[in-house]
């Protein structure tokens, strides 16, 4: 099997699965219970919070556990909008955000909020000048992703955060689901107020996530109930998911230090190969892109059919974001970058991880070449 769909989800590390099983079996107490079993579970959560905080270089009390990226983005954006609506009703985001951001903003528009969706250039980056010109007296939130989940474009988050720092009433939220463990981001230096992470994107267990909330930032809770997670996210905590997430983040952080150059080299090799293939168009920008994502198009070929063909040979890639891959329309990301329907409607995404190898790259080239030849013959 060649698994090149790591931006959709990753295979959990062996030690992460073992940790999850151990905690589920031996530390199953409710962390809110006052007996010893409950207190043991609570201590594991606090230890995990400390580990995550140390890796992110933030304070323990700024780390909140969620069920993943979608919930984290919803809590950040809706929670901020509802908390600070007395300041204003204007939100700024971009046209190439993940669905969990765009659909959340659209929902807020139905409740009277004013949303600006920034254009991007042909490499998928927003313009700092456009952002500056979009700010109003009523602006309360800017929400932008660090790494685009479809094409891998890296946004100038540091520059944007430094500029927004002169507007103390504007909250800066960053969706860092695709960037964590692959593209460095210093939350402090970038003046980020809210940041979303998802465990299963860095070899953790599905249903686990993190929301960084800078001290002093308040959020209106979307889920009310108990006192869990500082009232930001009520409900009995997923102890095993939280502990295994901390383990996955620590291991991924170590692997970044050791293997990020190799990851970039594997990507470069694939880009070089795909660029040499007739009728293949590379959509991922050469510069300012993450080391693990490659987006390309096969004009005239239905991407879903080609993905299934590769799957017959146990090669797994995707069309777009896993949340949108079953839709038969064009990619909103590529359309926003200026590509026509021929390109934006035939895109395929390869996404690597530190678990991939050069041997897989070589095998992929062979299978891809054979599959492409077969499709071209059928189209004659």
Protein backbone atom coordinates (compact mmCIF):
# COMPACT_ATOMS: atom_id res chain seq x y z
CA UNK A 1 0.00 0.00 0.00
CA UNK A 2 1.14 3.54 -0.83
CA UNK A 3 -0.74 6.05 1.29
CA UNK A 4 -0.40 9.58 -0.10
CA UNK A 5 -3.53 11.10 1.49
CA UNK A 6 -2.09 12.35 4.76
CA UNK A 7 -3.81 15.73 4.60
CA UNK A 8 -7.12 13.89 4.86
CA UNK A 9 -5.96 11.85 7.84
CA UNK A 10 -2.84 10.10 9.05
CA UNK A 11 -2.13 6.62 10.32
CA UNK A 12 -1.76 6.90 14.13
CA UNK A 13 1.72 6.19 15.40
CA UNK A 14 2.07 2.79 17.05
CA UNK A 15 2.98 4.35 20.38
CA UNK A 16 -0.03 6.65 20.11
CA UNK A 17 -2.39 3.70 19.68
CA UNK A 18 -0.73 1.93 22.60
CA UNK A 19 -1.14 5.02 24.77
CA UNK A 20 -4.79 5.35 23.76
CA UNK A 21 -5.47 1.72 24.64
CA UNK A 22 -3.66 1.93 27.98
CA UNK A 23 -5.50 5.08 29.08
CA UNK A 24 -8.86 3.74 27.89
CA UNK A 25 -8.33 0.52 29.81
CA UNK A 26 -6.68 1.70 33.01
CA UNK A 27 -7.67 5.38 33.42
CA UNK A 28 -11.32 5.32 32.46
CA UNK A 29 -12.55 7.43 35.36
CA UNK A 30 -14.46 10.66 34.76
CA UNK A 31 -11.95 13.51 35.27
CA UNK A 32 -14.63 15.50 37.10
CA UNK A 33 -15.12 12.77 39.70
CA UNK A 34 -13.58 13.42 43.11
CA UNK A 35 -12.48 9.83 43.75
CA UNK A 36 -8.94 8.63 43.03
CA UNK A 37 -9.74 7.10 39.63
CA UNK A 38 -11.24 10.37 38.46
CA UNK A 39 -8.32 12.36 39.84
CA UNK A 40 -5.85 10.11 38.02
CA UNK A 41 -7.62 10.91 34.76
CA UNK A 42 -7.58 14.62 35.59
CA UNK A 43 -3.83 14.50 36.23
CA UNK A 44 -3.27 12.88 32.83
CA UNK A 45 -5.20 15.69 31.16
CA UNK A 46 -3.19 18.36 32.96
CA UNK A 47 0.09 16.62 32.10
CA UNK A 48 -0.99 16.45 28.46
CA UNK A 49 -1.94 20.13 28.54
CA UNK A 50 1.53 20.93 29.82
CA UNK A 51 3.20 18.87 27.08
CA UNK A 52 1.18 20.57 24.34
CA UNK A 53 1.81 24.01 25.84
CA UNK A 54 5.57 23.41 25.99
CA UNK A 55 5.67 22.33 22.34
CA UNK A 56 3.60 25.33 21.23
CA UNK A 57 5.58 27.63 23.53
CA UNK A 58 2.44 28.89 25.25
CA UNK A 59 1.03 28.72 28.79
CA UNK A 60 -0.78 25.66 30.12
CA UNK A 61 -3.95 27.64 30.77
CA UNK A 62 -4.05 28.73 27.11
CA UNK A 63 -4.49 25.17 25.82
CA UNK A 64 -8.03 23.81 25.45
CA UNK A 65 -8.91 20.37 24.16
CA UNK A 66 -11.57 19.86 21.48
CA UNK A 67 -12.78 17.09 19.18
CA UNK A 68 -10.78 18.38 16.19
CA UNK A 69 -10.36 21.10 13.59
CA UNK A 70 -13.98 21.69 12.67
CA UNK A 71 -15.10 22.12 16.26
CA UNK A 72 -12.05 24.24 17.06
CA UNK A 73 -12.73 26.59 14.15
CA UNK A 74 -16.40 26.87 15.09
CA UNK A 75 -15.60 27.63 18.72
CA UNK A 76 -12.98 30.21 17.75
CA UNK A 77 -15.03 32.06 15.14
CA UNK A 78 -18.55 31.86 16.58
CA UNK A 79 -17.31 32.19 20.14
CA UNK A 80 -15.37 35.34 19.24
CA UNK A 81 -18.21 36.83 17.17
CA UNK A 82 -20.76 36.34 19.93
CA UNK A 83 -18.43 37.52 22.70
CA UNK A 84 -17.36 40.72 20.99
CA UNK A 85 -20.47 41.65 18.99
CA UNK A 86 -20.81 44.82 21.06
CA UNK A 87 -17.50 45.99 19.52
CA UNK A 88 -18.60 45.37 15.96
CA UNK A 89 -19.91 42.81 13.50
CA UNK A 90 -17.21 42.64 10.81
CA UNK A 91 -15.13 39.51 10.14
CA UNK A 92 -12.33 39.08 7.60
CA UNK A 93 -11.35 35.72 6.12
CA UNK A 94 -10.31 34.45 2.68
CA UNK A 95 -12.00 32.67 -0.21
CA UNK A 96 -9.71 29.64 0.08
CA UNK A 97 -10.36 28.68 3.70
CA UNK A 98 -11.47 25.23 4.83
CA UNK A 99 -15.22 24.59 4.73
CA UNK A 100 -15.39 24.70 8.54
CA UNK A 101 -14.36 28.36 8.36
CA UNK A 102 -16.26 29.46 5.26
CA UNK A 103 -19.53 27.78 6.24
CA UNK A 104 -19.22 29.13 9.78
CA UNK A 105 -18.79 32.65 8.42
CA UNK A 106 -21.75 32.19 6.08
CA UNK A 107 -23.86 31.09 9.02
CA UNK A 108 -22.84 34.19 10.95
CA UNK A 109 -23.87 36.34 7.95
CA UNK A 110 -27.40 34.96 8.44
CA UNK A 111 -27.26 36.36 11.97
CA UNK A 112 -26.33 39.84 10.82
CA UNK A 113 -22.55 39.70 10.76
CA UNK A 114 -20.64 41.34 7.90
CA UNK A 115 -17.97 39.11 6.35
CA UNK A 116 -15.23 40.06 3.90
CA UNK A 117 -13.80 37.16 1.89
CA UNK A 118 -10.35 38.21 0.67
CA UNK A 119 -9.22 37.32 -2.84
CA UNK A 120 -5.98 35.40 -3.34
CA UNK A 121 -3.37 35.60 -6.10
CA UNK A 122 -2.56 32.81 -8.55
CA UNK A 123 -0.42 31.13 -5.89
CA UNK A 124 -3.19 31.19 -3.30
CA UNK A 125 -1.83 33.94 -1.06
CA UNK A 126 -3.84 36.83 0.30
CA UNK A 127 -2.61 40.37 -0.24
CA UNK A 128 -1.50 42.25 2.85
CA UNK A 129 -2.72 45.45 1.19
CA UNK A 130 -6.16 43.93 0.57
CA UNK A 131 -6.31 42.94 4.22
CA UNK A 132 -5.32 46.43 5.34
CA UNK A 133 -7.93 48.01 3.07
CA UNK A 134 -10.63 45.65 4.37
CA UNK A 135 -10.29 46.62 8.01
CA UNK A 136 -13.14 48.73 9.37
CA UNK A 137 -13.96 50.30 12.71
CA UNK A 138 -16.39 47.40 13.15
CA UNK A 139 -13.81 44.65 12.47
CA UNK A 140 -13.56 42.22 15.39
CA UNK A 141 -11.96 39.12 13.88
CA UNK A 142 -9.51 38.05 11.17
CA UNK A 143 -9.49 34.29 10.49
CA UNK A 144 -6.92 32.82 8.09
CA UNK A 145 -5.35 29.39 7.63
CA UNK A 146 -1.61 28.92 7.85
CA UNK A 147 -1.29 26.16 5.23
CA UNK A 148 -3.96 25.57 2.62
CA UNK A 149 -5.33 22.04 2.80
CA UNK A 150 -5.73 21.61 -0.98
CA UNK A 151 -2.69 23.21 -2.58
CA UNK A 152 -0.30 23.71 0.35
CA UNK A 153 0.09 27.48 0.02
CA UNK A 154 1.61 29.07 3.13
CA UNK A 155 0.06 32.38 4.11
CA UNK A 156 2.25 35.24 5.45
CA UNK A 157 0.87 34.76 8.95
CA UNK A 158 3.82 36.42 10.72
CA UNK A 159 3.51 39.58 8.65
CA UNK A 160 -0.27 39.65 9.04
CA UNK A 161 -0.07 39.12 12.80
CA UNK A 162 2.51 41.85 13.21
CA UNK A 163 0.30 44.28 11.31
CA UNK A 164 -2.84 43.36 13.24
CA UNK A 165 -0.99 43.87 16.51
CA UNK A 166 -1.67 47.61 16.17
CA UNK A 167 -5.41 46.89 16.39
CA UNK A 168 -5.96 45.60 19.95
CA UNK A 169 -9.70 45.16 19.39
CA UNK A 170 -9.21 42.77 16.43
CA UNK A 171 -8.82 39.08 17.30
CA UNK A 172 -6.50 37.04 15.06
CA UNK A 173 -7.48 33.38 14.54
CA UNK A 174 -5.28 30.95 12.60
CA UNK A 175 -6.37 27.53 11.36
CA UNK A 176 -3.10 25.61 11.67
CA UNK A 177 -4.54 22.14 11.06
CA UNK A 178 -2.37 21.47 8.01
CA UNK A 179 0.73 23.34 9.14
CA UNK A 180 1.45 21.84 12.54
CA UNK A 181 4.48 19.55 12.48
CA UNK A 182 5.30 20.54 8.89
CA UNK A 183 5.70 24.33 8.75
CA UNK A 184 7.01 26.18 11.83
CA UNK A 185 4.79 28.86 13.34
CA UNK A 186 5.60 30.79 16.50
CA UNK A 187 2.24 31.76 17.98
CA UNK A 188 3.75 34.46 20.19
CA UNK A 189 5.88 36.14 17.55
CA UNK A 190 3.00 36.06 15.06
CA UNK A 191 0.70 37.71 17.64
CA UNK A 192 -1.91 34.98 17.21
CA UNK A 193 -4.87 35.06 19.60
CA UNK A 194 -6.60 31.81 18.62
CA UNK A 195 -5.15 28.75 16.88
CA UNK A 196 -6.76 25.48 15.83
CA UNK A 197 -5.11 22.03 15.66
CA UNK A 198 -6.49 18.58 14.86
CA UNK A 199 -4.94 15.41 16.29
CA UNK A 200 -5.59 13.04 13.41
CA UNK A 201 -3.63 15.28 11.03
CA UNK A 202 -0.40 14.57 12.91
CA UNK A 203 -0.82 10.85 13.60
CA UNK A 204 -3.10 11.19 16.60
CA UNK A 205 -6.52 9.67 17.15
CA UNK A 206 -9.59 11.02 15.37
CA UNK A 207 -11.84 13.02 17.67
CA UNK A 208 -9.02 14.94 19.37
CA UNK A 209 -7.93 18.52 18.88
CA UNK A 210 -6.53 21.67 20.45
CA UNK A 211 -7.66 25.27 20.52
CA UNK A 212 -5.08 27.80 21.71
CA UNK A 213 -6.75 30.77 23.38
CA UNK A 214 -4.39 33.57 24.33
CA UNK A 215 -4.72 34.86 27.86
CA UNK A 216 -7.17 37.74 27.96
CA UNK A 217 -9.27 36.50 25.04
CA UNK A 218 -12.81 35.50 25.96
CA UNK A 219 -15.07 33.23 23.93
CA UNK A 220 -18.79 32.69 24.22
CA UNK A 221 -19.18 28.91 24.67
CA UNK A 222 -21.10 27.02 22.00
CA UNK A 223 -21.58 23.98 24.21
CA UNK A 224 -22.77 24.80 27.70
CA UNK A 225 -22.99 22.47 30.63
CA UNK A 226 -20.26 21.68 33.13
CA UNK A 227 -17.03 23.43 33.98
CA UNK A 228 -14.79 21.42 31.65
CA UNK A 229 -12.09 23.17 29.61
CA UNK A 230 -12.65 26.48 31.33
CA UNK A 231 -16.34 26.46 30.30
CA UNK A 232 -15.22 26.95 26.68
CA UNK A 233 -16.06 23.35 25.79
CA UNK A 234 -18.29 21.58 28.30
CA UNK A 235 -18.67 17.81 28.34
CA UNK A 236 -16.73 14.91 29.78
CA UNK A 237 -13.22 15.00 28.37
CA UNK A 238 -11.88 12.39 25.96
CA UNK A 239 -9.00 11.47 28.26
CA UNK A 240 -7.47 8.79 26.03
CA UNK A 241 -7.76 11.03 22.98
CA UNK A 242 -6.14 13.95 24.81
CA UNK A 243 -3.22 11.93 26.18
CA UNK A 244 -2.57 10.25 22.83
CA UNK A 245 -2.78 13.65 21.06
CA UNK A 246 -0.03 14.98 23.31
CA UNK A 247 2.07 11.91 22.49
CA UNK A 248 1.44 12.33 18.75
CA UNK A 249 2.37 16.01 18.84
CA UNK A 250 5.60 15.28 20.69
CA UNK A 251 6.61 12.52 18.26
CA UNK A 252 5.68 14.62 15.21
CA UNK A 253 7.71 17.51 16.56
CA UNK A 254 10.73 15.21 16.88
CA UNK A 255 10.22 13.82 13.38
CA UNK A 256 10.07 17.35 11.95
CA UNK A 257 13.53 18.07 13.32
CA UNK A 258 14.95 14.83 11.92
CA UNK A 259 13.09 14.35 8.63
CA UNK A 260 11.59 17.57 7.24
CA UNK A 261 14.38 17.92 4.67
CA UNK A 262 13.71 14.40 3.42
CA UNK A 263 10.00 15.20 3.23
CA UNK A 264 10.75 18.24 1.09
CA UNK A 265 13.06 16.20 -1.14
CA UNK A 266 10.36 13.59 -1.73
CA UNK A 267 7.93 16.33 -2.66
CA UNK A 268 10.46 17.88 -5.03
CA UNK A 269 11.00 14.50 -6.70
CA UNK A 270 7.26 14.04 -7.23
CA UNK A 271 6.86 17.57 -8.58
CA UNK A 272 9.74 16.99 -10.99
CA UNK A 273 8.20 13.75 -12.20
CA UNK A 274 4.66 15.09 -12.56
CA UNK A 275 5.93 18.17 -14.38
CA UNK A 276 7.52 15.87 -16.95
CA UNK A 277 4.25 14.05 -17.61
CA UNK A 278 2.31 15.18 -20.64
CA UNK A 279 -1.03 16.86 -19.86
CA UNK A 280 -0.28 17.14 -16.12
CA UNK A 281 -0.55 20.66 -14.71
CA UNK A 282 0.98 21.45 -11.30
CA UNK A 283 -1.23 23.76 -9.24
CA UNK A 284 0.80 23.93 -6.03
CA UNK A 285 3.12 26.96 -6.04
CA UNK A 286 6.84 26.21 -6.16
CA UNK A 287 7.61 28.82 -3.53
CA UNK A 288 5.67 29.49 -0.33
CA UNK A 289 4.16 26.02 -0.09
CA UNK A 290 4.28 23.31 2.56
CA UNK A 291 6.70 20.38 2.15
CA UNK A 292 4.01 17.70 2.06
CA UNK A 293 1.23 18.80 -0.33
CA UNK A 294 1.18 18.59 -4.13
CA UNK A 295 -1.91 19.53 -6.12
CA UNK A 296 -2.08 18.86 -9.85
CA UNK A 297 -4.71 18.58 -12.56
CA UNK A 298 -5.39 16.12 -15.36
CA UNK A 299 -7.52 18.13 -17.83
CA UNK A 300 -10.09 15.98 -19.57
CA UNK A 301 -9.96 13.21 -16.97
CA UNK A 302 -12.46 12.86 -14.17
CA UNK A 303 -10.34 13.04 -11.01
CA UNK A 304 -12.65 10.71 -9.07
CA UNK A 305 -12.24 8.01 -11.72
CA UNK A 306 -8.47 8.38 -11.74
CA UNK A 307 -8.31 8.25 -7.93
CA UNK A 308 -10.30 5.00 -8.02
CA UNK A 309 -7.96 3.60 -10.69
CA UNK A 310 -4.94 4.31 -8.50
CA UNK A 311 -6.81 2.77 -5.60
CA UNK A 312 -7.10 -0.50 -7.50
CA UNK A 313 -3.31 -0.64 -7.26
CA UNK A 314 -3.45 0.28 -3.56
CA UNK A 315 -2.22 3.81 -4.17
CA UNK A 316 -4.31 6.27 -2.17
CA UNK A 317 -4.57 9.96 -3.04
CA UNK A 318 -7.55 12.35 -3.02
CA UNK A 319 -9.27 14.95 -5.13
CA UNK A 320 -9.66 17.81 -2.65
CA UNK A 321 -10.26 18.23 1.03
CA UNK A 322 -11.68 15.03 2.48
CA UNK A 323 -14.65 17.10 3.66
CA UNK A 324 -15.40 18.09 0.05
CA UNK A 325 -13.96 15.24 -2.02
CA UNK A 326 -17.33 13.55 -2.62
CA UNK A 327 -18.72 16.66 -4.28
CA UNK A 328 -18.62 16.62 -8.06
CA UNK A 329 -18.12 20.37 -8.49
CA UNK A 330 -14.92 22.33 -9.01
CA UNK A 331 -12.39 23.20 -6.32
CA UNK A 332 -13.25 26.55 -4.73
CA UNK A 333 -9.58 26.97 -3.86
CA UNK A 334 -8.33 26.59 -7.44
CA UNK A 335 -11.20 28.70 -8.77
CA UNK A 336 -10.23 31.46 -6.35
CA UNK A 337 -6.65 31.20 -7.59
CA UNK A 338 -7.87 31.99 -11.11
CA UNK A 339 -7.88 28.51 -12.68
CA UNK A 340 -10.68 27.72 -15.13
CA UNK A 341 -13.12 24.83 -14.74
CA UNK A 342 -10.94 22.52 -16.82
CA UNK A 343 -8.21 22.78 -14.20
CA UNK A 344 -10.23 23.34 -11.02
CA UNK A 345 -12.56 20.48 -11.92
CA UNK A 346 -9.83 17.89 -12.52
CA UNK A 347 -7.51 18.35 -9.55
CA UNK A 348 -5.85 15.63 -7.51
CA UNK A 349 -3.97 16.03 -4.24
CA UNK A 350 -0.96 14.08 -3.01
CA UNK A 351 -0.08 14.62 0.64
CA UNK A 352 2.93 13.04 2.26
CA UNK A 353 4.01 12.27 5.81
CA UNK A 354 7.24 11.40 7.58
CA UNK A 355 6.23 7.75 7.21
CA UNK A 356 6.55 7.80 3.43
CA UNK A 357 9.71 6.63 1.63
CA UNK A 358 11.65 7.05 -1.61
CA UNK A 359 10.76 3.45 -2.48
CA UNK A 360 7.12 4.47 -2.47
CA UNK A 361 7.90 7.42 -4.73
CA UNK A 362 9.52 5.09 -7.27
CA UNK A 363 6.60 2.65 -7.17
CA UNK A 364 4.09 5.50 -7.42
CA UNK A 365 5.72 6.79 -10.61
CA UNK A 366 5.35 3.37 -12.24
CA UNK A 367 1.70 2.93 -11.25
CA UNK A 368 0.80 6.52 -12.12
CA UNK A 369 2.41 6.24 -15.55
CA UNK A 370 0.58 3.00 -16.36
CA UNK A 371 -2.76 4.35 -15.12
CA UNK A 372 -2.40 7.55 -17.13
CA UNK A 373 -1.60 5.59 -20.30
CA UNK A 374 -4.70 3.45 -19.81
CA UNK A 375 -6.93 6.50 -19.39
CA UNK A 376 -5.54 8.17 -22.49
CA UNK A 377 -6.16 5.04 -24.54
CA UNK A 378 -9.76 4.90 -23.33
CA UNK A 379 -10.27 8.55 -24.30
CA UNK A 380 -9.20 8.00 -27.94
